[in-house]
């Protein structure tokens, strides 16, 4: 699947279609919390990260998530990726340990993904 960099609003339906062609009910996404963009559509968060790095993003501001476009509660954003494991940044899990970073990720995703 082709990785897309999302800078402008995309619909949940568009993401649901992408999900069907890949994992079924979710898409992987890499969120740049500084530039308010995200990459979606790769099999691995690392591939999305690499593309964003090529575009000038800073690695320490990139976070891997999964988006479940058909969910309509807080579970539609899953903070789970091996790429998030960063002890040097104080993140010792596959999740996103700091609430303020999770909030920033949510803000980016909610701005970019519309009903």
PDB file of N, CA and C in Angstrom:
ATOM      1  N   UNK A   1       0.836  -1.183   0.000  1.00  0.00           N
ATOM      2  CA  UNK A   1       0.000   0.000   0.000  1.00  0.00           C
ATOM      3  C   UNK A   1       0.880   1.245   0.000  1.00  0.00           C
ATOM      4  N   UNK A   2       0.420   2.282  -0.626  1.00  0.00           N
ATOM      5  CA  UNK A   2       1.142   3.539  -0.700  1.00  0.00           C
ATOM      6  C   UNK A   2       0.957   4.326   0.589  1.00  0.00           C
ATOM      7  N   UNK A   3       2.053   4.850   1.102  1.00  0.00           N
ATOM      8  CA  UNK A   3       1.989   5.685   2.294  1.00  0.00           C
ATOM      9  C   UNK A   3       1.550   7.079   1.873  1.00  0.00           C
ATOM     10  N   UNK A   4       0.613   7.634   2.621  1.00  0.00           N
ATOM     11  CA  UNK A   4       0.129   8.982   2.344  1.00  0.00           C
ATOM     12  C   UNK A   4       0.480   9.896   3.506  1.00  0.00           C
ATOM     13  N   UNK A   5       0.960  11.070   3.184  1.00  0.00           N
ATOM     14  CA  UNK A   5       1.154  12.085   4.208  1.00  0.00           C
ATOM     15  C   UNK A   5      -0.116  12.930   4.234  1.00  0.00           C
ATOM     16  N   UNK A   6      -0.726  12.985   5.394  1.00  0.00           N
ATOM     17  CA  UNK A   6      -1.988  13.697   5.574  1.00  0.00           C
ATOM     18  C   UNK A   6      -1.694  15.067   6.183  1.00  0.00           C
ATOM     19  N   UNK A   7      -1.964  16.101   5.387  1.00  0.00           N
ATOM     20  CA  UNK A   7      -1.778  17.483   5.845  1.00  0.00           C
ATOM     21  C   UNK A   7      -3.115  18.216   5.950  1.00  0.00           C
ATOM     22  N   UNK A   8      -4.083  17.731   5.204  1.00  0.00           N
ATOM     23  CA  UNK A   8      -5.427  18.304   5.177  1.00  0.00           C
ATOM     24  C   UNK A   8      -6.412  17.222   5.608  1.00  0.00           C
ATOM     25  N   UNK A   9      -7.602  17.627   5.949  1.00  0.00           N
ATOM     26  CA  UNK A   9      -8.605  16.703   6.469  1.00  0.00           C
ATOM     27  C   UNK A   9      -8.866  15.525   5.539  1.00  0.00           C
ATOM     28  N   UNK A  10      -9.003  14.360   6.137  1.00  0.00           N
ATOM     29  CA  UNK A  10      -9.372  13.121   5.464  1.00  0.00           C
ATOM     30  C   UNK A  10     -10.555  12.544   6.242  1.00  0.00           C
ATOM     31  N   UNK A  11     -11.427  11.840   5.562  1.00  0.00           N
ATOM     32  CA  UNK A  11     -12.604  11.305   6.248  1.00  0.00           C
ATOM     33  C   UNK A  11     -12.293   9.964   6.915  1.00  0.00           C
ATOM     34  N   UNK A  12     -13.085   9.667   7.915  1.00  0.00           N
ATOM     35  CA  UNK A  12     -12.989   8.346   8.545  1.00  0.00           C
ATOM     36  C   UNK A  12     -13.275   7.257   7.507  1.00  0.00           C
ATOM     37  N   UNK A  13     -14.200   7.554   6.591  1.00  0.00           N
ATOM     38  CA  UNK A  13     -14.538   6.581   5.542  1.00  0.00           C
ATOM     39  C   UNK A  13     -13.317   6.272   4.677  1.00  0.00           C
ATOM     40  N   UNK A  14     -12.538   7.301   4.338  1.00  0.00           N
ATOM     41  CA  UNK A  14     -11.314   7.081   3.554  1.00  0.00           C
ATOM     42  C   UNK A  14     -10.351   6.163   4.304  1.00  0.00           C
ATOM     43  N   UNK A  15     -10.208   6.400   5.607  1.00  0.00           N
ATOM     44  CA  UNK A  15      -9.318   5.553   6.406  1.00  0.00           C
ATOM     45  C   UNK A  15      -9.878   4.141   6.536  1.00  0.00           C
ATOM     46  N   UNK A  16     -11.197   4.025   6.637  1.00  0.00           N
ATOM     47  CA  UNK A  16     -11.816   2.699   6.709  1.00  0.00           C
ATOM     48  C   UNK A  16     -11.550   1.905   5.432  1.00  0.00           C
ATOM     49  N   UNK A  17     -11.599   2.590   4.287  1.00  0.00           N
ATOM     50  CA  UNK A  17     -11.291   1.928   3.016  1.00  0.00           C
ATOM     51  C   UNK A  17      -9.832   1.480   2.968  1.00  0.00           C
ATOM     52  N   UNK A  18      -8.953   2.325   3.445  1.00  0.00           N
ATOM     53  CA  UNK A  18      -7.537   1.938   3.509  1.00  0.00           C
ATOM     54  C   UNK A  18      -7.364   0.720   4.414  1.00  0.00           C
ATOM     55  N   UNK A  19      -8.055   0.729   5.547  1.00  0.00           N
ATOM     56  CA  UNK A  19      -7.947  -0.365   6.514  1.00  0.00           C
ATOM     57  C   UNK A  19      -8.389  -1.693   5.900  1.00  0.00           C
ATOM     58  N   UNK A  20      -9.479  -1.662   5.136  1.00  0.00           N
ATOM     59  CA  UNK A  20      -9.989  -2.888   4.518  1.00  0.00           C
ATOM     60  C   UNK A  20      -8.942  -3.535   3.625  1.00  0.00           C
ATOM     61  N   UNK A  21      -8.158  -2.720   2.955  1.00  0.00           N
ATOM     62  CA  UNK A  21      -7.132  -3.243   2.074  1.00  0.00           C
ATOM     63  C   UNK A  21      -5.854  -3.647   2.782  1.00  0.00           C
ATOM     64  N   UNK A  22      -5.840  -3.493   4.095  1.00  0.00           N
ATOM     65  CA  UNK A  22      -4.615  -3.764   4.819  1.00  0.00           C
ATOM     66  C   UNK A  22      -4.840  -4.657   6.034  1.00  0.00           C
ATOM     67  N   UNK A  23      -5.239  -4.076   7.151  1.00  0.00           N
ATOM     68  CA  UNK A  23      -5.378  -4.832   8.397  1.00  0.00           C
ATOM     69  C   UNK A  23      -6.820  -5.150   8.754  1.00  0.00           C
ATOM     70  N   UNK A  24      -7.760  -4.678   7.961  1.00  0.00           N
ATOM     71  CA  UNK A  24      -9.161  -4.968   8.200  1.00  0.00           C
ATOM     72  C   UNK A  24      -9.907  -3.839   8.871  1.00  0.00           C
ATOM     73  N   UNK A  25      -9.549  -3.540  10.119  1.00  0.00           N
ATOM     74  CA  UNK A  25     -10.316  -2.536  10.852  1.00  0.00           C
ATOM     75  C   UNK A  25      -9.488  -1.358  11.360  1.00  0.00           C
ATOM     76  N   UNK A  26      -8.204  -1.325  11.044  1.00  0.00           N
ATOM     77  CA  UNK A  26      -7.385  -0.195  11.488  1.00  0.00           C
ATOM     78  C   UNK A  26      -6.290   0.122  10.486  1.00  0.00           C
ATOM     79  N   UNK A  27      -5.764   1.337  10.604  1.00  0.00           N
ATOM     80  CA  UNK A  27      -4.572   1.739   9.849  1.00  0.00           C
ATOM     81  C   UNK A  27      -3.514   2.174  10.845  1.00  0.00           C
ATOM     82  N   UNK A  28      -2.288   1.933  10.476  1.00  0.00           N
ATOM     83  CA  UNK A  28      -1.170   2.456  11.264  1.00  0.00           C
ATOM     84  C   UNK A  28      -0.937   3.898  10.846  1.00  0.00           C
ATOM     85  N   UNK A  29      -0.543   4.709  11.806  1.00  0.00           N
ATOM     86  CA  UNK A  29      -0.252   6.107  11.506  1.00  0.00           C
ATOM     87  C   UNK A  29       0.939   6.560  12.331  1.00  0.00           C
ATOM     88  N   UNK A  30       1.714   7.453  11.749  1.00  0.00           N
ATOM     89  CA  UNK A  30       2.815   8.105  12.449  1.00  0.00           C
ATOM     90  C   UNK A  30       2.463   9.584  12.497  1.00  0.00           C
ATOM     91  N   UNK A  31       2.373  10.129  13.699  1.00  0.00           N
ATOM     92  CA  UNK A  31       1.925  11.502  13.902  1.00  0.00           C
ATOM     93  C   UNK A  31       3.112  12.394  14.245  1.00  0.00           C
ATOM     94  N   UNK A  32       3.225  13.491  13.525  1.00  0.00           N
ATOM     95  CA  UNK A  32       4.232  14.524  13.798  1.00  0.00           C
ATOM     96  C   UNK A  32       3.526  15.611  14.599  1.00  0.00           C
ATOM     97  N   UNK A  33       3.814  15.670  15.909  1.00  0.00           N
ATOM     98  CA  UNK A  33       3.097  16.602  16.775  1.00  0.00           C
ATOM     99  C   UNK A  33       3.599  18.036  16.653  1.00  0.00           C
ATOM    100  N   UNK A  34       4.694  18.253  15.954  1.00  0.00           N
ATOM    101  CA  UNK A  34       5.168  19.619  15.727  1.00  0.00           C
ATOM    102  C   UNK A  34       4.569  20.212  14.460  1.00  0.00           C
ATOM    103  N   UNK A  35       4.574  19.437  13.390  1.00  0.00           N
ATOM    104  CA  UNK A  35       4.094  19.923  12.094  1.00  0.00           C
ATOM    105  C   UNK A  35       2.614  19.643  11.855  1.00  0.00           C
ATOM    106  N   UNK A  36       1.965  18.983  12.821  1.00  0.00           N
ATOM    107  CA  UNK A  36       0.531  18.697  12.741  1.00  0.00           C
ATOM    108  C   UNK A  36       0.147  17.937  11.475  1.00  0.00           C
ATOM    109  N   UNK A  37       0.936  16.911  11.166  1.00  0.00           N
ATOM    110  CA  UNK A  37       0.676  16.046  10.021  1.00  0.00           C
ATOM    111  C   UNK A  37       0.801  14.605  10.470  1.00  0.00           C
ATOM    112  N   UNK A  38       0.395  13.686   9.609  1.00  0.00           N
ATOM    113  CA  UNK A  38       0.610  12.272   9.900  1.00  0.00           C
ATOM    114  C   UNK A  38       0.776  11.498   8.603  1.00  0.00           C
ATOM    115  N   UNK A  39       1.451  10.389   8.713  1.00  0.00           N
ATOM    116  CA  UNK A  39       1.600   9.471   7.590  1.00  0.00           C
ATOM    117  C   UNK A  39       0.774   8.235   7.907  1.00  0.00           C
ATOM    118  N   UNK A  40       0.071   7.722   6.907  1.00  0.00           N
ATOM    119  CA  UNK A  40      -0.758   6.524   7.077  1.00  0.00           C
ATOM    120  C   UNK A  40      -0.560   5.597   5.885  1.00  0.00           C
ATOM    121  N   UNK A  41      -0.876   4.332   6.102  1.00  0.00           N
ATOM    122  CA  UNK A  41      -0.926   3.396   4.985  1.00  0.00           C
ATOM    123  C   UNK A  41       0.203   2.404   4.885  1.00  0.00           C
ATOM    124  N   UNK A  42       1.137   2.416   5.815  1.00  0.00           N
ATOM    125  CA  UNK A  42       2.254   1.473   5.737  1.00  0.00           C
ATOM    126  C   UNK A  42       1.957   0.216   6.556  1.00  0.00           C
ATOM    127  N   UNK A  43       2.680  -0.837   6.245  1.00  0.00           N
ATOM    128  CA  UNK A  43       2.592  -2.048   7.045  1.00  0.00           C
ATOM    129  C   UNK A  43       3.311  -1.871   8.378  1.00  0.00           C
ATOM    130  N   UNK A  44       4.300  -0.989   8.394  1.00  0.00           N
ATOM    131  CA  UNK A  44       5.099  -0.746   9.595  1.00  0.00           C
ATOM    132  C   UNK A  44       5.146   0.744   9.922  1.00  0.00           C
ATOM    133  N   UNK A  45       5.056   1.059  11.204  1.00  0.00           N
ATOM    134  CA  UNK A  45       5.206   2.449  11.615  1.00  0.00           C
ATOM    135  C   UNK A  45       6.572   2.987  11.181  1.00  0.00           C
ATOM    136  N   UNK A  46       7.576   2.134  11.167  1.00  0.00           N
ATOM    137  CA  UNK A  46       8.930   2.565  10.800  1.00  0.00           C
ATOM    138  C   UNK A  46       8.989   3.105   9.374  1.00  0.00           C
ATOM    139  N   UNK A  47       8.193   2.555   8.469  1.00  0.00           N
ATOM    140  CA  UNK A  47       8.178   3.051   7.093  1.00  0.00           C
ATOM    141  C   UNK A  47       7.555   4.443   7.025  1.00  0.00           C
ATOM    142  N   UNK A  48       6.520   4.659   7.819  1.00  0.00           N
ATOM    143  CA  UNK A  48       5.903   5.983   7.876  1.00  0.00           C
ATOM    144  C   UNK A  48       6.859   6.989   8.509  1.00  0.00           C
ATOM    145  N   UNK A  49       7.548   6.549   9.551  1.00  0.00           N
ATOM    146  CA  UNK A  49       8.535   7.407  10.199  1.00  0.00           C
ATOM    147  C   UNK A  49       9.622   7.818   9.206  1.00  0.00           C
ATOM    148  N   UNK A  50      10.127   6.864   8.444  1.00  0.00           N
ATOM    149  CA  UNK A  50      11.192   7.152   7.477  1.00  0.00           C
ATOM    150  C   UNK A  50      10.740   8.199   6.462  1.00  0.00           C
ATOM    151  N   UNK A  51       9.510   8.086   5.983  1.00  0.00           N
ATOM    152  CA  UNK A  51       8.997   9.052   5.018  1.00  0.00           C
ATOM    153  C   UNK A  51       8.892  10.448   5.639  1.00  0.00           C
ATOM    154  N   UNK A  52       8.390  10.525   6.859  1.00  0.00           N
ATOM    155  CA  UNK A  52       8.282  11.830   7.512  1.00  0.00           C
ATOM    156  C   UNK A  52       9.659  12.431   7.798  1.00  0.00           C
ATOM    157  N   UNK A  53      10.614  11.594   8.164  1.00  0.00           N
ATOM    158  CA  UNK A  53      11.981  12.088   8.382  1.00  0.00           C
ATOM    159  C   UNK A  53      12.563  12.656   7.094  1.00  0.00           C
ATOM    160  N   UNK A  54      12.304  11.986   5.970  1.00  0.00           N
ATOM    161  CA  UNK A  54      12.757  12.493   4.666  1.00  0.00           C
ATOM    162  C   UNK A  54      12.142  13.855   4.363  1.00  0.00           C
ATOM    163  N   UNK A  55      10.934  14.094   4.899  1.00  0.00           N
ATOM    164  CA  UNK A  55      10.221  15.357   4.662  1.00  0.00           C
ATOM    165  C   UNK A  55      10.628  16.443   5.659  1.00  0.00           C
ATOM    166  N   UNK A  56      11.561  16.124   6.570  1.00  0.00           N
ATOM    167  CA  UNK A  56      12.066  17.132   7.505  1.00  0.00           C
ATOM    168  C   UNK A  56      11.540  17.047   8.922  1.00  0.00           C
ATOM    169  N   UNK A  57      10.727  16.041   9.240  1.00  0.00           N
ATOM    170  CA  UNK A  57      10.238  15.882  10.616  1.00  0.00           C
ATOM    171  C   UNK A  57      11.392  15.476  11.533  1.00  0.00           C
ATOM    172  N   UNK A  58      11.211  15.754  12.810  1.00  0.00           N
ATOM    173  CA  UNK A  58      12.205  15.384  13.821  1.00  0.00           C
ATOM    174  C   UNK A  58      11.741  14.126  14.540  1.00  0.00           C
ATOM    175  N   UNK A  59      12.607  13.137  14.628  1.00  0.00           N
ATOM    176  CA  UNK A  59      12.254  11.819  15.155  1.00  0.00           C
ATOM    177  C   UNK A  59      11.641  11.900  16.548  1.00  0.00           C
ATOM    178  N   UNK A  60      12.157  12.749  17.407  1.00  0.00           N
ATOM    179  CA  UNK A  60      11.659  12.801  18.781  1.00  0.00           C
ATOM    180  C   UNK A  60      10.234  13.356  18.881  1.00  0.00           C
ATOM    181  N   UNK A  61       9.715  13.880  17.772  1.00  0.00           N
ATOM    182  CA  UNK A  61       8.356  14.435  17.752  1.00  0.00           C
ATOM    183  C   UNK A  61       7.386  13.566  16.954  1.00  0.00           C
ATOM    184  N   UNK A  62       7.828  12.361  16.589  1.00  0.00           N
ATOM    185  CA  UNK A  62       7.007  11.418  15.833  1.00  0.00           C
ATOM    186  C   UNK A  62       6.543  10.296  16.752  1.00  0.00           C
ATOM    187  N   UNK A  63       5.258   9.974  16.669  1.00  0.00           N
ATOM    188  CA  UNK A  63       4.684   8.942  17.533  1.00  0.00           C
ATOM    189  C   UNK A  63       3.795   8.010  16.724  1.00  0.00           C
ATOM    190  N   UNK A  64       3.940   6.711  16.979  1.00  0.00           N
ATOM    191  CA  UNK A  64       3.164   5.703  16.273  1.00  0.00           C
ATOM    192  C   UNK A  64       1.861   5.377  16.989  1.00  0.00           C
ATOM    193  N   UNK A  65       0.790   5.334  16.201  1.00  0.00           N
ATOM    194  CA  UNK A  65      -0.530   4.985  16.724  1.00  0.00           C
ATOM    195  C   UNK A  65      -1.236   4.083  15.715  1.00  0.00           C
ATOM    196  N   UNK A  66      -2.363   3.554  16.137  1.00  0.00           N
ATOM    197  CA  UNK A  66      -3.275   2.842  15.243  1.00  0.00           C
ATOM    198  C   UNK A  66      -4.609   3.567  15.310  1.00  0.00           C
ATOM    199  N   UNK A  67      -5.236   3.725  14.153  1.00  0.00           N
ATOM    200  CA  UNK A  67      -6.528   4.403  14.082  1.00  0.00           C
ATOM    201  C   UNK A  67      -7.581   3.395  13.640  1.00  0.00           C
ATOM    202  N   UNK A  68      -8.633   3.294  14.443  1.00  0.00           N
ATOM    203  CA  UNK A  68      -9.777   2.431  14.151  1.00  0.00           C
ATOM    204  C   UNK A  68     -10.919   3.346  13.708  1.00  0.00           C
ATOM    205  N   UNK A  69     -11.054   3.609  12.415  1.00  0.00           N
ATOM    206  CA  UNK A  69     -12.005   4.618  11.944  1.00  0.00           C
ATOM    207  C   UNK A  69     -13.470   4.314  12.227  1.00  0.00           C
ATOM    208  N   UNK A  70     -13.828   3.050  12.453  1.00  0.00           N
ATOM    209  CA  UNK A  70     -15.221   2.707  12.714  1.00  0.00           C
ATOM    210  C   UNK A  70     -15.585   2.769  14.198  1.00  0.00           C
ATOM    211  N   UNK A  71     -14.602   3.009  15.053  1.00  0.00           N
ATOM    212  CA  UNK A  71     -14.871   3.170  16.483  1.00  0.00           C
ATOM    213  C   UNK A  71     -15.292   4.610  16.742  1.00  0.00           C
ATOM    214  N   UNK A  72     -16.204   4.809  17.676  1.00  0.00           N
ATOM    215  CA  UNK A  72     -16.686   6.160  17.940  1.00  0.00           C
ATOM    216  C   UNK A  72     -16.571   6.550  19.411  1.00  0.00           C
ATOM    217  N   UNK A  73     -15.610   5.942  20.077  1.00  0.00           N
ATOM    218  CA  UNK A  73     -15.280   6.358  21.431  1.00  0.00           C
ATOM    219  C   UNK A  73     -13.771   6.569  21.474  1.00  0.00           C
ATOM    220  N   UNK A  74     -13.204   6.728  22.643  1.00  0.00           N
ATOM    221  CA  UNK A  74     -11.766   7.018  22.727  1.00  0.00           C
ATOM    222  C   UNK A  74     -10.890   5.896  22.178  1.00  0.00           C
ATOM    223  N   UNK A  75     -11.454   4.708  22.027  1.00  0.00           N
ATOM    224  CA  UNK A  75     -10.654   3.583  21.545  1.00  0.00           C
ATOM    225  C   UNK A  75     -10.320   3.682  20.058  1.00  0.00           C
ATOM    226  N   UNK A  76     -10.829   4.695  19.366  1.00  0.00           N
ATOM    227  CA  UNK A  76     -10.529   4.819  17.936  1.00  0.00           C
ATOM    228  C   UNK A  76      -9.068   5.185  17.709  1.00  0.00           C
ATOM    229  N   UNK A  77      -8.393   5.733  18.729  1.00  0.00           N
ATOM    230  CA  UNK A  77      -6.956   6.000  18.662  1.00  0.00           C
ATOM    231  C   UNK A  77      -6.280   5.083  19.665  1.00  0.00           C
ATOM    232  N   UNK A  78      -5.405   4.221  19.160  1.00  0.00           N
ATOM    233  CA  UNK A  78      -4.675   3.284  20.011  1.00  0.00           C
ATOM    234  C   UNK A  78      -3.208   3.700  20.044  1.00  0.00           C
ATOM    235  N   UNK A  79      -2.720   3.986  21.223  1.00  0.00           N
ATOM    236  CA  UNK A  79      -1.332   4.412  21.405  1.00  0.00           C
ATOM    237  C   UNK A  79      -0.471   3.177  21.626  1.00  0.00           C
ATOM    238  N   UNK A  80      -0.130   2.507  20.537  1.00  0.00           N
ATOM    239  CA  UNK A  80       0.636   1.266  20.651  1.00  0.00           C
ATOM    240  C   UNK A  80       1.528   1.082  19.429  1.00  0.00           C
ATOM    241  N   UNK A  81       2.821   1.172  19.651  1.00  0.00           N
ATOM    242  CA  UNK A  81       3.781   0.928  18.577  1.00  0.00           C
ATOM    243  C   UNK A  81       5.156   0.678  19.194  1.00  0.00           C
ATOM    244  N   UNK A  82       5.864  -0.270  18.641  1.00  0.00           N
ATOM    245  CA  UNK A  82       7.242  -0.519  19.086  1.00  0.00           C
ATOM    246  C   UNK A  82       8.097   0.730  18.914  1.00  0.00           C
ATOM    247  N   UNK A  83       7.770   1.536  17.942  1.00  0.00           N
ATOM    248  CA  UNK A  83       8.556   2.729  17.639  1.00  0.00           C
ATOM    249  C   UNK A  83       8.493   3.753  18.778  1.00  0.00           C
ATOM    250  N   UNK A  84       7.466   3.632  19.634  1.00  0.00           N
ATOM    251  CA  UNK A  84       7.320   4.554  20.758  1.00  0.00           C
ATOM    252  C   UNK A  84       8.234   4.216  21.937  1.00  0.00           C
ATOM    253  N   UNK A  85       8.829   3.051  21.907  1.00  0.00           N
ATOM    254  CA  UNK A  85       9.712   2.625  22.991  1.00  0.00           C
ATOM    255  C   UNK A  85      10.995   3.451  22.930  1.00  0.00           C
ATOM    256  N   UNK A  86      11.080   4.463  23.799  1.00  0.00           N
ATOM    257  CA  UNK A  86      12.200   5.411  23.778  1.00  0.00           C
ATOM    258  C   UNK A  86      12.626   5.772  25.195  1.00  0.00           C
ATOM    259  N   UNK A  87      13.385   4.920  25.830  1.00  0.00           N
ATOM    260  CA  UNK A  87      13.822   5.221  27.198  1.00  0.00           C
ATOM    261  C   UNK A  87      14.578   6.550  27.309  1.00  0.00           C
ATOM    262  N   UNK A  88      15.306   6.930  26.275  1.00  0.00           N
ATOM    263  CA  UNK A  88      16.065   8.188  26.322  1.00  0.00           C
ATOM    264  C   UNK A  88      15.158   9.408  26.398  1.00  0.00           C
ATOM    265  N   UNK A  89      13.898   9.254  25.978  1.00  0.00           N
ATOM    266  CA  UNK A  89      12.914  10.327  26.065  1.00  0.00           C
ATOM    267  C   UNK A  89      11.951  10.109  27.228  1.00  0.00           C
ATOM    268  N   UNK A  90      12.242   9.127  28.065  1.00  0.00           N
ATOM    269  CA  UNK A  90      11.384   8.847  29.200  1.00  0.00           C
ATOM    270  C   UNK A  90      10.149   8.035  28.856  1.00  0.00           C
ATOM    271  N   UNK A  91      10.082   7.481  27.652  1.00  0.00           N
ATOM    272  CA  UNK A  91       8.942   6.653  27.248  1.00  0.00           C
ATOM    273  C   UNK A  91       9.400   5.201  27.262  1.00  0.00           C
ATOM    274  N   UNK A  92       8.998   4.475  28.294  1.00  0.00           N
ATOM    275  CA  UNK A  92       9.487   3.119  28.504  1.00  0.00           C
ATOM    276  C   UNK A  92       8.491   2.035  28.095  1.00  0.00           C
ATOM    277  N   UNK A  93       7.506   2.407  27.290  1.00  0.00           N
ATOM    278  CA  UNK A  93       6.517   1.425  26.860  1.00  0.00           C
ATOM    279  C   UNK A  93       6.224   1.608  25.373  1.00  0.00           C
ATOM    280  N   UNK A  94       5.426   0.685  24.837  1.00  0.00           N
ATOM    281  CA  UNK A  94       4.981   0.804  23.447  1.00  0.00           C
ATOM    282  C   UNK A  94       3.897   1.869  23.309  1.00  0.00           C
ATOM    283  N   UNK A  95       3.350   2.284  24.420  1.00  0.00           N
ATOM    284  CA  UNK A  95       2.330   3.325  24.427  1.00  0.00           C
ATOM    285  C   UNK A  95       2.978   4.700  24.410  1.00  0.00           C
ATOM    286  N   UNK A  96       2.207   5.697  24.783  1.00  0.00           N
ATOM    287  CA  UNK A  96       2.728   7.060  24.937  1.00  0.00           C
ATOM    288  C   UNK A  96       2.481   7.414  26.391  1.00  0.00           C
ATOM    289  N   UNK A  97       3.557   7.433  27.180  1.00  0.00           N
ATOM    290  CA  UNK A  97       3.439   7.531  28.621  1.00  0.00           C
ATOM    291  C   UNK A  97       3.014   8.911  29.125  1.00  0.00           C
ATOM    292  N   UNK A  98       3.420   9.968  28.452  1.00  0.00           N
ATOM    293  CA  UNK A  98       3.126  11.318  28.945  1.00  0.00           C
ATOM    294  C   UNK A  98       1.757  11.788  28.447  1.00  0.00           C
ATOM    295  N   UNK A  99       0.865  12.146  29.392  1.00  0.00           N
ATOM    296  CA  UNK A  99      -0.481  12.591  28.999  1.00  0.00           C
ATOM    297  C   UNK A  99      -0.472  13.787  28.047  1.00  0.00           C
ATOM    298  N   UNK A 100       0.460  14.714  28.217  1.00  0.00           N
ATOM    299  CA  UNK A 100       0.479  15.890  27.342  1.00  0.00           C
ATOM    300  C   UNK A 100       0.833  15.513  25.899  1.00  0.00           C
ATOM    301  N   UNK A 101       1.663  14.508  25.716  1.00  0.00           N
ATOM    302  CA  UNK A 101       1.982  14.052  24.358  1.00  0.00           C
ATOM    303  C   UNK A 101       0.774  13.337  23.757  1.00  0.00           C
ATOM    304  N   UNK A 102       0.101  12.487  24.558  1.00  0.00           N
ATOM    305  CA  UNK A 102      -1.121  11.831  24.071  1.00  0.00           C
ATOM    306  C   UNK A 102      -2.157  12.887  23.651  1.00  0.00           C
ATOM    307  N   UNK A 103      -2.295  13.939  24.453  1.00  0.00           N
ATOM    308  CA  UNK A 103      -3.239  15.009  24.112  1.00  0.00           C
ATOM    309  C   UNK A 103      -2.855  15.692  22.803  1.00  0.00           C
ATOM    310  N   UNK A 104      -1.568  15.944  22.606  1.00  0.00           N
ATOM    311  CA  UNK A 104      -1.109  16.564  21.355  1.00  0.00           C
ATOM    312  C   UNK A 104      -1.393  15.660  20.166  1.00  0.00           C
ATOM    313  N   UNK A 105      -1.171  14.372  20.327  1.00  0.00           N
ATOM    314  CA  UNK A 105      -1.457  13.419  19.254  1.00  0.00           C
ATOM    315  C   UNK A 105      -2.947  13.440  18.928  1.00  0.00           C
ATOM    316  N   UNK A 106      -3.787  13.380  19.956  1.00  0.00           N
ATOM    317  CA  UNK A 106      -5.242  13.418  19.744  1.00  0.00           C
ATOM    318  C   UNK A 106      -5.657  14.668  18.982  1.00  0.00           C
ATOM    319  N   UNK A 107      -5.102  15.810  19.348  1.00  0.00           N
ATOM    320  CA  UNK A 107      -5.455  17.071  18.693  1.00  0.00           C
ATOM    321  C   UNK A 107      -5.120  17.018  17.202  1.00  0.00           C
ATOM    322  N   UNK A 108      -3.943  16.494  16.876  1.00  0.00           N
ATOM    323  CA  UNK A 108      -3.550  16.387  15.468  1.00  0.00           C
ATOM    324  C   UNK A 108      -4.506  15.459  14.729  1.00  0.00           C
ATOM    325  N   UNK A 109      -4.762  14.293  15.290  1.00  0.00           N
ATOM    326  CA  UNK A 109      -5.618  13.309  14.629  1.00  0.00           C
ATOM    327  C   UNK A 109      -7.048  13.853  14.479  1.00  0.00           C
ATOM    328  N   UNK A 110      -7.571  14.473  15.529  1.00  0.00           N
ATOM    329  CA  UNK A 110      -8.932  14.987  15.465  1.00  0.00           C
ATOM    330  C   UNK A 110      -9.068  16.154  14.489  1.00  0.00           C
ATOM    331  N   UNK A 111      -7.993  16.888  14.246  1.00  0.00           N
ATOM    332  CA  UNK A 111      -8.011  17.953  13.260  1.00  0.00           C
ATOM    333  C   UNK A 111      -7.970  17.385  11.847  1.00  0.00           C
ATOM    334  N   UNK A 112      -7.216  16.304  11.674  1.00  0.00           N
ATOM    335  CA  UNK A 112      -7.011  15.739  10.336  1.00  0.00           C
ATOM    336  C   UNK A 112      -8.064  14.732   9.905  1.00  0.00           C
ATOM    337  N   UNK A 113      -8.697  14.070  10.859  1.00  0.00           N
ATOM    338  CA  UNK A 113      -9.672  13.024  10.528  1.00  0.00           C
ATOM    339  C   UNK A 113     -11.068  13.532  10.888  1.00  0.00           C
ATOM    340  N   UNK A 114     -11.895  13.649   9.870  1.00  0.00           N
ATOM    341  CA  UNK A 114     -13.248  14.173  10.074  1.00  0.00           C
ATOM    342  C   UNK A 114     -14.287  13.088   9.802  1.00  0.00           C
ATOM    343  N   UNK A 115     -15.470  13.311  10.276  1.00  0.00           N
ATOM    344  CA  UNK A 115     -16.563  12.342  10.114  1.00  0.00           C
ATOM    345  C   UNK A 115     -16.989  12.225   8.671  1.00  0.00           C
TER     346      UNK A 115
END
